[in-house]
Structures are given as structure tokens and as C-alpha cells.
Amino acid sequence: AKNTIYLQMNSLKPEDAAVYYCAAYLFGDSTWSSWGQGTQVTV
């Protein structure tokens, strides 16, 4: 209903630190074809 996905991250570790990107796979495409700009996670 909100056109939204979430990623709940618990028990975060230093190795989880990264820029996290959302991506879409569409019917008719052969790979992940759409990408967001990313959001920084620092642990």
C-alpha cells in the first residue's frame, strides 16, 4: 500500500558498515535494472 520495502537490521556488526542500495528486478528484464542512490550505514 505504501510502495515501500524495509530492511530491519539487528545485532549490527562493524562488517555491516557500507552504503546500502535498493534495487528492482522487473518482469521482462534479465538482471537487477533499477537502483537507488544509496544510504550510508556506519557501525
PDB file of all heavy atoms in Angstrom:
ATOM      1  N   ALA A   1       0.810  -1.211   0.000  1.00  0.00           N
ATOM      2  CA  ALA A   1       0.000   0.000   0.000  1.00  0.00           C
ATOM      3  C   ALA A   1       0.846   1.265   0.000  1.00  0.00           C
ATOM      4  O   ALA A   1       0.427   2.300  -0.514  1.00  0.00           O
ATOM      5  CB  ALA A   1      -0.947   0.006   1.194  1.00  0.00           C
ATOM      6  N   LYS A   2       2.048   1.185   0.579  1.00  0.00           N
ATOM      7  CA  LYS A   2       2.941   2.335   0.652  1.00  0.00           C
ATOM      8  C   LYS A   2       4.029   2.312  -0.409  1.00  0.00           C
ATOM      9  O   LYS A   2       4.879   3.201  -0.430  1.00  0.00           O
ATOM     10  CB  LYS A   2       3.584   2.416   2.035  1.00  0.00           C
ATOM     11  CG  LYS A   2       2.611   2.687   3.157  1.00  0.00           C
ATOM     12  CD  LYS A   2       3.335   2.787   4.488  1.00  0.00           C
ATOM     13  CE  LYS A   2       2.370   3.099   5.615  1.00  0.00           C
ATOM     14  NZ  LYS A   2       3.064   3.186   6.929  1.00  0.00           N
ATOM     15  N   ASN A   3       4.018   1.307  -1.272  1.00  0.00           N
ATOM     16  CA  ASN A   3       5.053   1.151  -2.299  1.00  0.00           C
ATOM     17  C   ASN A   3       6.452   1.199  -1.685  1.00  0.00           C
ATOM     18  O   ASN A   3       7.354   1.873  -2.192  1.00  0.00           O
ATOM     19  CB  ASN A   3       4.922   2.233  -3.370  1.00  0.00           C
ATOM     20  CG  ASN A   3       3.826   1.941  -4.368  1.00  0.00           C
ATOM     21  OD1 ASN A   3       3.068   0.996  -4.209  1.00  0.00           O
ATOM     22  ND2 ASN A   3       3.740   2.761  -5.411  1.00  0.00           N
ATOM     23  N   THR A   4       6.621   0.468  -0.598  1.00  0.00           N
ATOM     24  CA  THR A   4       7.842   0.556   0.185  1.00  0.00           C
ATOM     25  C   THR A   4       8.314  -0.816   0.633  1.00  0.00           C
ATOM     26  O   THR A   4       7.503  -1.688   0.956  1.00  0.00           O
ATOM     27  CB  THR A   4       7.620   1.442   1.425  1.00  0.00           C
ATOM     28  OG1 THR A   4       7.199   2.746   1.015  1.00  0.00           O
ATOM     29  CG2 THR A   4       8.890   1.566   2.249  1.00  0.00           C
ATOM     30  N   ILE A   5       9.636  -1.010   0.637  1.00  0.00           N
ATOM     31  CA  ILE A   5      10.220  -2.172   1.284  1.00  0.00           C
ATOM     32  C   ILE A   5      11.128  -1.694   2.409  1.00  0.00           C
ATOM     33  O   ILE A   5      11.594  -0.550   2.409  1.00  0.00           O
ATOM     34  CB  ILE A   5      11.008  -3.082   0.318  1.00  0.00           C
ATOM     35  CG1 ILE A   5      12.241  -2.356  -0.242  1.00  0.00           C
ATOM     36  CG2 ILE A   5      10.106  -3.590  -0.789  1.00  0.00           C
ATOM     37  CD1 ILE A   5      13.240  -3.303  -0.883  1.00  0.00           C
ATOM     38  N   TYR A   6      11.382  -2.591   3.352  1.00  0.00           N
ATOM     39  CA  TYR A   6      12.183  -2.268   4.517  1.00  0.00           C
ATOM     40  C   TYR A   6      13.262  -3.310   4.718  1.00  0.00           C
ATOM     41  O   TYR A   6      13.144  -4.452   4.283  1.00  0.00           O
ATOM     42  CB  TYR A   6      11.318  -2.221   5.775  1.00  0.00           C
ATOM     43  CG  TYR A   6      10.135  -1.292   5.677  1.00  0.00           C
ATOM     44  CD1 TYR A   6       8.887  -1.766   5.301  1.00  0.00           C
ATOM     45  CD2 TYR A   6      10.274   0.063   5.959  1.00  0.00           C
ATOM     46  CE1 TYR A   6       7.798  -0.912   5.207  1.00  0.00           C
ATOM     47  CE2 TYR A   6       9.191   0.920   5.870  1.00  0.00           C
ATOM     48  CZ  TYR A   6       7.959   0.431   5.497  1.00  0.00           C
ATOM     49  OH  TYR A   6       6.885   1.280   5.406  1.00  0.00           O
ATOM     50  N   LEU A   7      14.308  -2.903   5.397  1.00  0.00           N
ATOM     51  CA  LEU A   7      15.328  -3.833   5.846  1.00  0.00           C
ATOM     52  C   LEU A   7      15.576  -3.560   7.320  1.00  0.00           C
ATOM     53  O   LEU A   7      16.188  -2.548   7.672  1.00  0.00           O
ATOM     54  CB  LEU A   7      16.627  -3.685   5.050  1.00  0.00           C
ATOM     55  CG  LEU A   7      17.713  -4.705   5.385  1.00  0.00           C
ATOM     56  CD1 LEU A   7      17.286  -6.102   4.931  1.00  0.00           C
ATOM     57  CD2 LEU A   7      19.047  -4.321   4.746  1.00  0.00           C
ATOM     58  N   GLN A   8      15.066  -4.439   8.170  1.00  0.00           N
ATOM     59  CA  GLN A   8      15.292  -4.333   9.602  1.00  0.00           C
ATOM     60  C   GLN A   8      16.607  -5.017   9.925  1.00  0.00           C
ATOM     61  O   GLN A   8      16.756  -6.215   9.687  1.00  0.00           O
ATOM     62  CB  GLN A   8      14.151  -4.983  10.380  1.00  0.00           C
ATOM     63  CG  GLN A   8      14.323  -4.962  11.890  1.00  0.00           C
ATOM     64  CD  GLN A   8      14.298  -3.564  12.457  1.00  0.00           C
ATOM     65  OE1 GLN A   8      13.417  -2.771  12.123  1.00  0.00           O
ATOM     66  NE2 GLN A   8      15.262  -3.241  13.303  1.00  0.00           N
ATOM     67  N   MET A   9      17.550  -4.273  10.459  1.00  0.00           N
ATOM     68  CA  MET A   9      18.876  -4.785  10.744  1.00  0.00           C
ATOM     69  C   MET A   9      19.095  -4.792  12.251  1.00  0.00           C
ATOM     70  O   MET A   9      19.067  -3.743  12.894  1.00  0.00           O
ATOM     71  CB  MET A   9      19.946  -3.939  10.057  1.00  0.00           C
ATOM     72  CG  MET A   9      19.749  -3.809   8.551  1.00  0.00           C
ATOM     73  SD  MET A   9      21.092  -2.901   7.736  1.00  0.00           S
ATOM     74  CE  MET A   9      20.828  -1.262   8.434  1.00  0.00           C
ATOM     75  N   ASN A  10      19.305  -5.968  12.809  1.00  0.00           N
ATOM     76  CA  ASN A  10      19.551  -6.140  14.232  1.00  0.00           C
ATOM     77  C   ASN A  10      20.940  -6.720  14.455  1.00  0.00           C
ATOM     78  O   ASN A  10      21.540  -7.286  13.552  1.00  0.00           O
ATOM     79  CB  ASN A  10      18.504  -7.063  14.857  1.00  0.00           C
ATOM     80  CG  ASN A  10      17.098  -6.526  14.753  1.00  0.00           C
ATOM     81  OD1 ASN A  10      16.879  -5.317  14.822  1.00  0.00           O
ATOM     82  ND2 ASN A  10      16.127  -7.426  14.607  1.00  0.00           N
ATOM     83  N   SER A  11      21.423  -6.588  15.676  1.00  0.00           N
ATOM     84  CA  SER A  11      22.730  -7.131  16.057  1.00  0.00           C
ATOM     85  C   SER A  11      23.813  -6.721  15.068  1.00  0.00           C
ATOM     86  O   SER A  11      24.601  -7.545  14.595  1.00  0.00           O
ATOM     87  CB  SER A  11      22.656  -8.659  16.164  1.00  0.00           C
ATOM     88  OG  SER A  11      21.695  -9.058  17.119  1.00  0.00           O
ATOM     89  N   LEU A  12      23.858  -5.442  14.757  1.00  0.00           N
ATOM     90  CA  LEU A  12      24.776  -4.945  13.740  1.00  0.00           C
ATOM     91  C   LEU A  12      26.227  -5.114  14.157  1.00  0.00           C
ATOM     92  O   LEU A  12      26.580  -4.955  15.332  1.00  0.00           O
ATOM     93  CB  LEU A  12      24.480  -3.485  13.437  1.00  0.00           C
ATOM     94  CG  LEU A  12      23.258  -3.269  12.542  1.00  0.00           C
ATOM     95  CD1 LEU A  12      22.766  -1.837  12.642  1.00  0.00           C
ATOM     96  CD2 LEU A  12      23.608  -3.621  11.097  1.00  0.00           C
ATOM     97  N   LYS A  13      27.052  -5.442  13.185  1.00  0.00           N
ATOM     98  CA  LYS A  13      28.478  -5.651  13.365  1.00  0.00           C
ATOM     99  C   LYS A  13      29.254  -4.635  12.538  1.00  0.00           C
ATOM    100  O   LYS A  13      28.729  -4.100  11.563  1.00  0.00           O
ATOM    101  CB  LYS A  13      28.868  -7.065  12.917  1.00  0.00           C
ATOM    102  CG  LYS A  13      28.074  -8.179  13.565  1.00  0.00           C
ATOM    103  CD  LYS A  13      28.435  -9.522  12.944  1.00  0.00           C
ATOM    104  CE  LYS A  13      27.642 -10.645  13.558  1.00  0.00           C
ATOM    105  NZ  LYS A  13      27.979 -11.952  12.935  1.00  0.00           N
ATOM    106  N   PRO A  14      30.513  -4.371  12.888  1.00  0.00           N
ATOM    107  CA  PRO A  14      31.318  -3.449  12.087  1.00  0.00           C
ATOM    108  C   PRO A  14      31.383  -3.836  10.614  1.00  0.00           C
ATOM    109  O   PRO A  14      31.426  -2.954   9.753  1.00  0.00           O
ATOM    110  CB  PRO A  14      32.699  -3.522  12.751  1.00  0.00           C
ATOM    111  CG  PRO A  14      32.401  -3.843  14.169  1.00  0.00           C
ATOM    112  CD  PRO A  14      31.222  -4.788  14.113  1.00  0.00           C
ATOM    113  N   GLU A  15      31.386  -5.117  10.309  1.00  0.00           N
ATOM    114  CA  GLU A  15      31.448  -5.564   8.926  1.00  0.00           C
ATOM    115  C   GLU A  15      30.168  -5.296   8.140  1.00  0.00           C
ATOM    116  O   GLU A  15      30.133  -5.479   6.923  1.00  0.00           O
ATOM    117  CB  GLU A  15      31.814  -7.052   8.833  1.00  0.00           C
ATOM    118  CG  GLU A  15      30.949  -7.954   9.692  1.00  0.00           C
ATOM    119  CD  GLU A  15      31.607  -8.293  11.015  1.00  0.00           C
ATOM    120  OE1 GLU A  15      32.160  -7.375  11.656  1.00  0.00           O
ATOM    121  OE2 GLU A  15      31.571  -9.476  11.413  1.00  0.00           O
ATOM    122  N   ASP A  16      29.109  -4.865   8.826  1.00  0.00           N
ATOM    123  CA  ASP A  16      27.880  -4.476   8.148  1.00  0.00           C
ATOM    124  C   ASP A  16      27.939  -3.048   7.615  1.00  0.00           C
ATOM    125  O   ASP A  16      27.050  -2.636   6.864  1.00  0.00           O
ATOM    126  CB  ASP A  16      26.673  -4.598   9.086  1.00  0.00           C
ATOM    127  CG  ASP A  16      26.389  -6.028   9.488  1.00  0.00           C
ATOM    128  OD1 ASP A  16      26.473  -6.926   8.626  1.00  0.00           O
ATOM    129  OD2 ASP A  16      26.066  -6.245  10.682  1.00  0.00           O
ATOM    130  N   ALA A  17      28.939  -2.292   8.014  1.00  0.00           N
ATOM    131  CA  ALA A  17      29.065  -0.911   7.570  1.00  0.00           C
ATOM    132  C   ALA A  17      29.268  -0.854   6.064  1.00  0.00           C
ATOM    133  O   ALA A  17      30.142  -1.525   5.516  1.00  0.00           O
ATOM    134  CB  ALA A  17      30.225  -0.225   8.288  1.00  0.00           C
ATOM    135  N   ALA A  18      28.455  -0.074   5.390  1.00  0.00           N
ATOM    136  CA  ALA A  18      28.506   0.026   3.936  1.00  0.00           C
ATOM    137  C   ALA A  18      27.462   1.021   3.468  1.00  0.00           C
ATOM    138  O   ALA A  18      26.637   1.495   4.254  1.00  0.00           O
ATOM    139  CB  ALA A  18      28.244  -1.338   3.284  1.00  0.00           C
ATOM    140  N   VAL A  19      27.503   1.332   2.182  1.00  0.00           N
ATOM    141  CA  VAL A  19      26.401   2.033   1.554  1.00  0.00           C
ATOM    142  C   VAL A  19      25.401   0.977   1.102  1.00  0.00           C
ATOM    143  O   VAL A  19      25.761   0.035   0.396  1.00  0.00           O
ATOM    144  CB  VAL A  19      26.854   2.882   0.352  1.00  0.00           C
ATOM    145  CG1 VAL A  19      25.656   3.526  -0.333  1.00  0.00           C
ATOM    146  CG2 VAL A  19      27.841   3.952   0.808  1.00  0.00           C
ATOM    147  N   TYR A  20      24.166   1.120   1.526  1.00  0.00           N
ATOM    148  CA  TYR A  20      23.128   0.156   1.196  1.00  0.00           C
ATOM    149  C   TYR A  20      22.266   0.688   0.059  1.00  0.00           C
ATOM    150  O   TYR A  20      21.801   1.829   0.094  1.00  0.00           O
ATOM    151  CB  TYR A  20      22.261  -0.141   2.427  1.00  0.00           C
ATOM    152  CG  TYR A  20      22.927  -1.078   3.400  1.00  0.00           C
ATOM    153  CD1 TYR A  20      24.017  -0.662   4.143  1.00  0.00           C
ATOM    154  CD2 TYR A  20      22.470  -2.388   3.558  1.00  0.00           C
ATOM    155  CE1 TYR A  20      24.654  -1.531   5.020  1.00  0.00           C
ATOM    156  CE2 TYR A  20      23.089  -3.256   4.435  1.00  0.00           C
ATOM    157  CZ  TYR A  20      24.180  -2.828   5.163  1.00  0.00           C
ATOM    158  OH  TYR A  20      24.803  -3.689   6.038  1.00  0.00           O
ATOM    159  N   TYR A  21      22.047  -0.161  -0.941  1.00  0.00           N
ATOM    160  CA  TYR A  21      21.295   0.209  -2.128  1.00  0.00           C
ATOM    161  C   TYR A  21      20.045  -0.650  -2.265  1.00  0.00           C
ATOM    162  O   TYR A  21      20.080  -1.853  -2.009  1.00  0.00           O
ATOM    163  CB  TYR A  21      22.135   0.026  -3.396  1.00  0.00           C
ATOM    164  CG  TYR A  21      23.365   0.887  -3.471  1.00  0.00           C
ATOM    165  CD1 TYR A  21      24.581   0.447  -2.966  1.00  0.00           C
ATOM    166  CD2 TYR A  21      23.313   2.143  -4.065  1.00  0.00           C
ATOM    167  CE1 TYR A  21      25.716   1.231  -3.038  1.00  0.00           C
ATOM    168  CE2 TYR A  21      24.443   2.932  -4.144  1.00  0.00           C
ATOM    169  CZ  TYR A  21      25.641   2.474  -3.636  1.00  0.00           C
ATOM    170  OH  TYR A  21      26.772   3.253  -3.713  1.00  0.00           O
ATOM    171  N   CYS A  22      18.974  -0.031  -2.689  1.00  0.00           N
ATOM    172  CA  CYS A  22      17.758  -0.733  -3.056  1.00  0.00           C
ATOM    173  C   CYS A  22      17.774  -0.972  -4.560  1.00  0.00           C
ATOM    174  O   CYS A  22      18.236  -0.119  -5.324  1.00  0.00           O
ATOM    175  CB  CYS A  22      16.541   0.105  -2.657  1.00  0.00           C
ATOM    176  SG  CYS A  22      14.948  -0.655  -2.984  1.00  0.00           S
ATOM    177  N   ALA A  23      17.287  -2.125  -4.995  1.00  0.00           N
ATOM    178  CA  ALA A  23      17.267  -2.456  -6.410  1.00  0.00           C
ATOM    179  C   ALA A  23      15.979  -3.168  -6.784  1.00  0.00           C
ATOM    180  O   ALA A  23      15.347  -3.809  -5.938  1.00  0.00           O
ATOM    181  CB  ALA A  23      18.466  -3.337  -6.766  1.00  0.00           C
ATOM    182  N   ALA A  24      15.608  -3.052  -8.052  1.00  0.00           N
ATOM    183  CA  ALA A  24      14.389  -3.668  -8.560  1.00  0.00           C
ATOM    184  C   ALA A  24      14.688  -4.626  -9.696  1.00  0.00           C
ATOM    185  O   ALA A  24      15.551  -4.355 -10.543  1.00  0.00           O
ATOM    186  CB  ALA A  24      13.406  -2.601  -9.041  1.00  0.00           C
ATOM    187  N   TYR A  25      13.988  -5.748  -9.697  1.00  0.00           N
ATOM    188  CA  TYR A  25      14.042  -6.719 -10.772  1.00  0.00           C
ATOM    189  C   TYR A  25      12.645  -6.760 -11.384  1.00  0.00           C
ATOM    190  O   TYR A  25      11.675  -7.052 -10.693  1.00  0.00           O
ATOM    191  CB  TYR A  25      14.431  -8.095 -10.234  1.00  0.00           C
ATOM    192  CG  TYR A  25      14.993  -9.047 -11.257  1.00  0.00           C
ATOM    193  CD1 TYR A  25      16.326  -9.442 -11.190  1.00  0.00           C
ATOM    194  CD2 TYR A  25      14.198  -9.555 -12.273  1.00  0.00           C
ATOM    195  CE1 TYR A  25      16.851 -10.321 -12.116  1.00  0.00           C
ATOM    196  CE2 TYR A  25      14.724 -10.428 -13.208  1.00  0.00           C
ATOM    197  CZ  TYR A  25      16.054 -10.815 -13.120  1.00  0.00           C
ATOM    198  OH  TYR A  25      16.576 -11.684 -14.037  1.00  0.00           O
ATOM    199  N   LEU A  26      12.575  -6.461 -12.676  1.00  0.00           N
ATOM    200  CA  LEU A  26      11.294  -6.352 -13.356  1.00  0.00           C
ATOM    201  C   LEU A  26      11.026  -7.549 -14.253  1.00  0.00           C
ATOM    202  O   LEU A  26      11.951  -8.147 -14.797  1.00  0.00           O
ATOM    203  CB  LEU A  26      11.246  -5.081 -14.205  1.00  0.00           C
ATOM    204  CG  LEU A  26      11.587  -3.759 -13.509  1.00  0.00           C
ATOM    205  CD1 LEU A  26      11.495  -2.620 -14.518  1.00  0.00           C
ATOM    206  CD2 LEU A  26      10.660  -3.511 -12.336  1.00  0.00           C
ATOM    207  N   PHE A  27       9.755  -7.882 -14.415  1.00  0.00           N
ATOM    208  CA  PHE A  27       9.385  -8.875 -15.409  1.00  0.00           C
ATOM    209  C   PHE A  27       9.865  -8.408 -16.773  1.00  0.00           C
ATOM    210  O   PHE A  27       9.686  -7.248 -17.144  1.00  0.00           O
ATOM    211  CB  PHE A  27       7.868  -9.066 -15.444  1.00  0.00           C
ATOM    212  CG  PHE A  27       7.305  -9.779 -14.260  1.00  0.00           C
ATOM    213  CD1 PHE A  27       6.563  -9.099 -13.307  1.00  0.00           C
ATOM    214  CD2 PHE A  27       7.499 -11.138 -14.099  1.00  0.00           C
ATOM    215  CE1 PHE A  27       6.029  -9.754 -12.218  1.00  0.00           C
ATOM    216  CE2 PHE A  27       6.976 -11.813 -13.010  1.00  0.00           C
ATOM    217  CZ  PHE A  27       6.238 -11.112 -12.065  1.00  0.00           C
ATOM    218  N   GLY A  28      10.486  -9.306 -17.516  1.00  0.00           N
ATOM    219  CA  GLY A  28      10.998  -8.976 -18.834  1.00  0.00           C
ATOM    220  C   GLY A  28      12.446  -8.541 -18.852  1.00  0.00           C
ATOM    221  O   GLY A  28      13.052  -8.455 -19.919  1.00  0.00           O
ATOM    222  N   ASP A  29      13.029  -8.253 -17.694  1.00  0.00           N
ATOM    223  CA  ASP A  29      14.436  -7.897 -17.600  1.00  0.00           C
ATOM    224  C   ASP A  29      15.262  -9.125 -17.256  1.00  0.00           C
ATOM    225  O   ASP A  29      14.747 -10.114 -16.728  1.00  0.00           O
ATOM    226  CB  ASP A  29      14.657  -6.809 -16.552  1.00  0.00           C
ATOM    227  CG  ASP A  29      14.163  -5.451 -16.999  1.00  0.00           C
ATOM    228  OD1 ASP A  29      13.856  -5.279 -18.185  1.00  0.00           O
ATOM    229  OD2 ASP A  29      14.067  -4.550 -16.130  1.00  0.00           O
ATOM    230  N   SER A  30      16.559  -9.050 -17.535  1.00  0.00           N
ATOM    231  CA  SER A  30      17.448 -10.171 -17.295  1.00  0.00           C
ATOM    232  C   SER A  30      18.309 -10.009 -16.045  1.00  0.00           C
ATOM    233  O   SER A  30      19.056 -10.918 -15.678  1.00  0.00           O
ATOM    234  CB  SER A  30      18.354 -10.391 -18.507  1.00  0.00           C
ATOM    235  OG  SER A  30      19.135  -9.247 -18.764  1.00  0.00           O
ATOM    236  N   THR A  31      18.214  -8.860 -15.400  1.00  0.00           N
ATOM    237  CA  THR A  31      19.014  -8.597 -14.213  1.00  0.00           C
ATOM    238  C   THR A  31      18.354  -7.490 -13.398  1.00  0.00           C
ATOM    239  O   THR A  31      17.310  -6.965 -13.772  1.00  0.00           O
ATOM    240  CB  THR A  31      20.448  -8.201 -14.610  1.00  0.00           C
ATOM    241  OG1 THR A  31      21.274  -8.120 -13.444  1.00  0.00           O
ATOM    242  CG2 THR A  31      20.447  -6.857 -15.333  1.00  0.00           C
ATOM    243  N   TRP A  32      18.973  -7.149 -12.274  1.00  0.00           N
ATOM    244  CA  TRP A  32      18.521  -6.009 -11.484  1.00  0.00           C
ATOM    245  C   TRP A  32      18.755  -4.751 -12.322  1.00  0.00           C
ATOM    246  O   TRP A  32      19.889  -4.444 -12.689  1.00  0.00           O
ATOM    247  CB  TRP A  32      19.284  -5.932 -10.170  1.00  0.00           C
ATOM    248  CG  TRP A  32      19.095  -7.148  -9.317  1.00  0.00           C
ATOM    249  CD1 TRP A  32      19.838  -8.294  -9.326  1.00  0.00           C
ATOM    250  CD2 TRP A  32      18.073  -7.329  -8.330  1.00  0.00           C
ATOM    251  NE1 TRP A  32      19.335  -9.188  -8.412  1.00  0.00           N
ATOM    252  CE2 TRP A  32      18.261  -8.617  -7.777  1.00  0.00           C
ATOM    253  CE3 TRP A  32      17.029  -6.538  -7.851  1.00  0.00           C
ATOM    254  CZ2 TRP A  32      17.431  -9.125  -6.777  1.00  0.00           C
ATOM    255  CZ3 TRP A  32      16.207  -7.048  -6.857  1.00  0.00           C
ATOM    256  CH2 TRP A  32      16.414  -8.322  -6.333  1.00  0.00           C
ATOM    257  N   SER A  33      17.702  -4.030 -12.638  1.00  0.00           N
ATOM    258  CA  SER A  33      17.776  -2.969 -13.637  1.00  0.00           C
ATOM    259  C   SER A  33      17.611  -1.552 -13.100  1.00  0.00           C
ATOM    260  O   SER A  33      17.966  -0.590 -13.783  1.00  0.00           O
ATOM    261  CB  SER A  33      16.733  -3.204 -14.725  1.00  0.00           C
ATOM    262  OG  SER A  33      15.425  -3.239 -14.184  1.00  0.00           O
ATOM    263  N   SER A  34      17.057  -1.404 -11.912  1.00  0.00           N
ATOM    264  CA  SER A  34      16.853  -0.083 -11.327  1.00  0.00           C
ATOM    265  C   SER A  34      17.501  -0.027  -9.953  1.00  0.00           C
ATOM    266  O   SER A  34      17.379  -0.968  -9.168  1.00  0.00           O
ATOM    267  CB  SER A  34      15.359   0.241 -11.209  1.00  0.00           C
ATOM    268  OG  SER A  34      14.734   0.263 -12.481  1.00  0.00           O
ATOM    269  N   TRP A  35      18.167   1.081  -9.681  1.00  0.00           N
ATOM    270  CA  TRP A  35      18.913   1.237  -8.431  1.00  0.00           C
ATOM    271  C   TRP A  35      18.661   2.593  -7.803  1.00  0.00           C
ATOM    272  O   TRP A  35      18.505   3.596  -8.497  1.00  0.00           O
ATOM    273  CB  TRP A  35      20.418   1.086  -8.680  1.00  0.00           C
ATOM    274  CG  TRP A  35      20.816  -0.270  -9.164  1.00  0.00           C
ATOM    275  CD1 TRP A  35      20.775  -0.733 -10.441  1.00  0.00           C
ATOM    276  CD2 TRP A  35      21.319  -1.337  -8.362  1.00  0.00           C
ATOM    277  NE1 TRP A  35      21.207  -2.034 -10.498  1.00  0.00           N
ATOM    278  CE2 TRP A  35      21.558  -2.432  -9.233  1.00  0.00           C
ATOM    279  CE3 TRP A  35      21.596  -1.485  -7.007  1.00  0.00           C
ATOM    280  CZ2 TRP A  35      22.054  -3.646  -8.778  1.00  0.00           C
ATOM    281  CZ3 TRP A  35      22.096  -2.697  -6.554  1.00  0.00           C
ATOM    282  CH2 TRP A  35      22.322  -3.759  -7.433  1.00  0.00           C
ATOM    283  N   GLY A  36      18.637   2.613  -6.474  1.00  0.00           N
ATOM    284  CA  GLY A  36      18.597   3.868  -5.762  1.00  0.00           C
ATOM    285  C   GLY A  36      19.990   4.449  -5.630  1.00  0.00           C
ATOM    286  O   GLY A  36      20.979   3.880  -6.096  1.00  0.00           O
ATOM    287  N   GLN A  37      20.087   5.590  -4.977  1.00  0.00           N
ATOM    288  CA  GLN A  37      21.365   6.280  -4.828  1.00  0.00           C
ATOM    289  C   GLN A  37      22.162   5.814  -3.613  1.00  0.00           C
ATOM    290  O   GLN A  37      23.341   6.123  -3.495  1.00  0.00           O
ATOM    291  CB  GLN A  37      21.143   7.789  -4.748  1.00  0.00           C
ATOM    292  CG  GLN A  37      20.570   8.386  -6.024  1.00  0.00           C
ATOM    293  CD  GLN A  37      21.463   8.132  -7.215  1.00  0.00           C
ATOM    294  OE1 GLN A  37      22.659   8.439  -7.188  1.00  0.00           O
ATOM    295  NE2 GLN A  37      20.899   7.566  -8.271  1.00  0.00           N
ATOM    296  N   GLY A  38      21.530   5.073  -2.718  1.00  0.00           N
ATOM    297  CA  GLY A  38      22.215   4.511  -1.576  1.00  0.00           C
ATOM    298  C   GLY A  38      22.031   5.313  -0.302  1.00  0.00           C
ATOM    299  O   GLY A  38      21.792   6.516  -0.336  1.00  0.00           O
ATOM    300  N   THR A  39      22.154   4.626   0.824  1.00  0.00           N
ATOM    301  CA  THR A  39      22.116   5.260   2.130  1.00  0.00           C
ATOM    302  C   THR A  39      23.225   4.659   2.994  1.00  0.00           C
ATOM    303  O   THR A  39      23.426   3.450   3.014  1.00  0.00           O
ATOM    304  CB  THR A  39      20.729   5.100   2.795  1.00  0.00           C
ATOM    305  OG1 THR A  39      20.682   5.840   4.015  1.00  0.00           O
ATOM    306  CG2 THR A  39      20.395   3.639   3.069  1.00  0.00           C
ATOM    307  N   GLN A  40      23.951   5.520   3.685  1.00  0.00           N
ATOM    308  CA  GLN A  40      25.141   5.102   4.428  1.00  0.00           C
ATOM    309  C   GLN A  40      24.775   4.522   5.786  1.00  0.00           C
ATOM    310  O   GLN A  40      24.013   5.124   6.549  1.00  0.00           O
ATOM    311  CB  GLN A  40      26.081   6.294   4.619  1.00  0.00           C
ATOM    312  CG  GLN A  40      27.324   5.979   5.447  1.00  0.00           C
ATOM    313  CD  GLN A  40      28.315   5.130   4.693  1.00  0.00           C
ATOM    314  OE1 GLN A  40      28.708   5.469   3.581  1.00  0.00           O
ATOM    315  NE2 GLN A  40      28.721   4.015   5.300  1.00  0.00           N
ATOM    316  N   VAL A  41      25.340   3.362   6.075  1.00  0.00           N
ATOM    317  CA  VAL A  41      25.215   2.742   7.394  1.00  0.00           C
ATOM    318  C   VAL A  41      26.610   2.645   7.995  1.00  0.00           C
ATOM    319  O   VAL A  41      27.507   2.046   7.406  1.00  0.00           O
ATOM    320  CB  VAL A  41      24.574   1.345   7.314  1.00  0.00           C
ATOM    321  CG1 VAL A  41      24.642   0.641   8.671  1.00  0.00           C
ATOM    322  CG2 VAL A  41      23.133   1.453   6.835  1.00  0.00           C
ATOM    323  N   THR A  42      26.796   3.244   9.160  1.00  0.00           N
ATOM    324  CA  THR A  42      28.069   3.213   9.855  1.00  0.00           C
ATOM    325  C   THR A  42      27.895   2.508  11.191  1.00  0.00           C
ATOM    326  O   THR A  42      26.982   2.823  11.952  1.00  0.00           O
ATOM    327  CB  THR A  42      28.604   4.637  10.080  1.00  0.00           C
ATOM    328  OG1 THR A  42      28.736   5.313   8.823  1.00  0.00           O
ATOM    329  CG2 THR A  42      29.959   4.598  10.772  1.00  0.00           C
ATOM    330  N   VAL A  43      28.766   1.551  11.474  1.00  0.00           N
ATOM    331  CA  VAL A  43      28.708   0.785  12.716  1.00  0.00           C
ATOM    332  C   VAL A  43      30.031   0.977  13.441  1.00  0.00           C
ATOM    333  O   VAL A  43      31.091   0.703  12.893  1.00  0.00           O
ATOM    334  CB  VAL A  43      28.457  -0.710  12.460  1.00  0.00           C
ATOM    335  CG1 VAL A  43      28.302  -1.450  13.782  1.00  0.00           C
ATOM    336  CG2 VAL A  43      27.225  -0.901  11.585  1.00  0.00           C
TER     337      VAL A  43
END
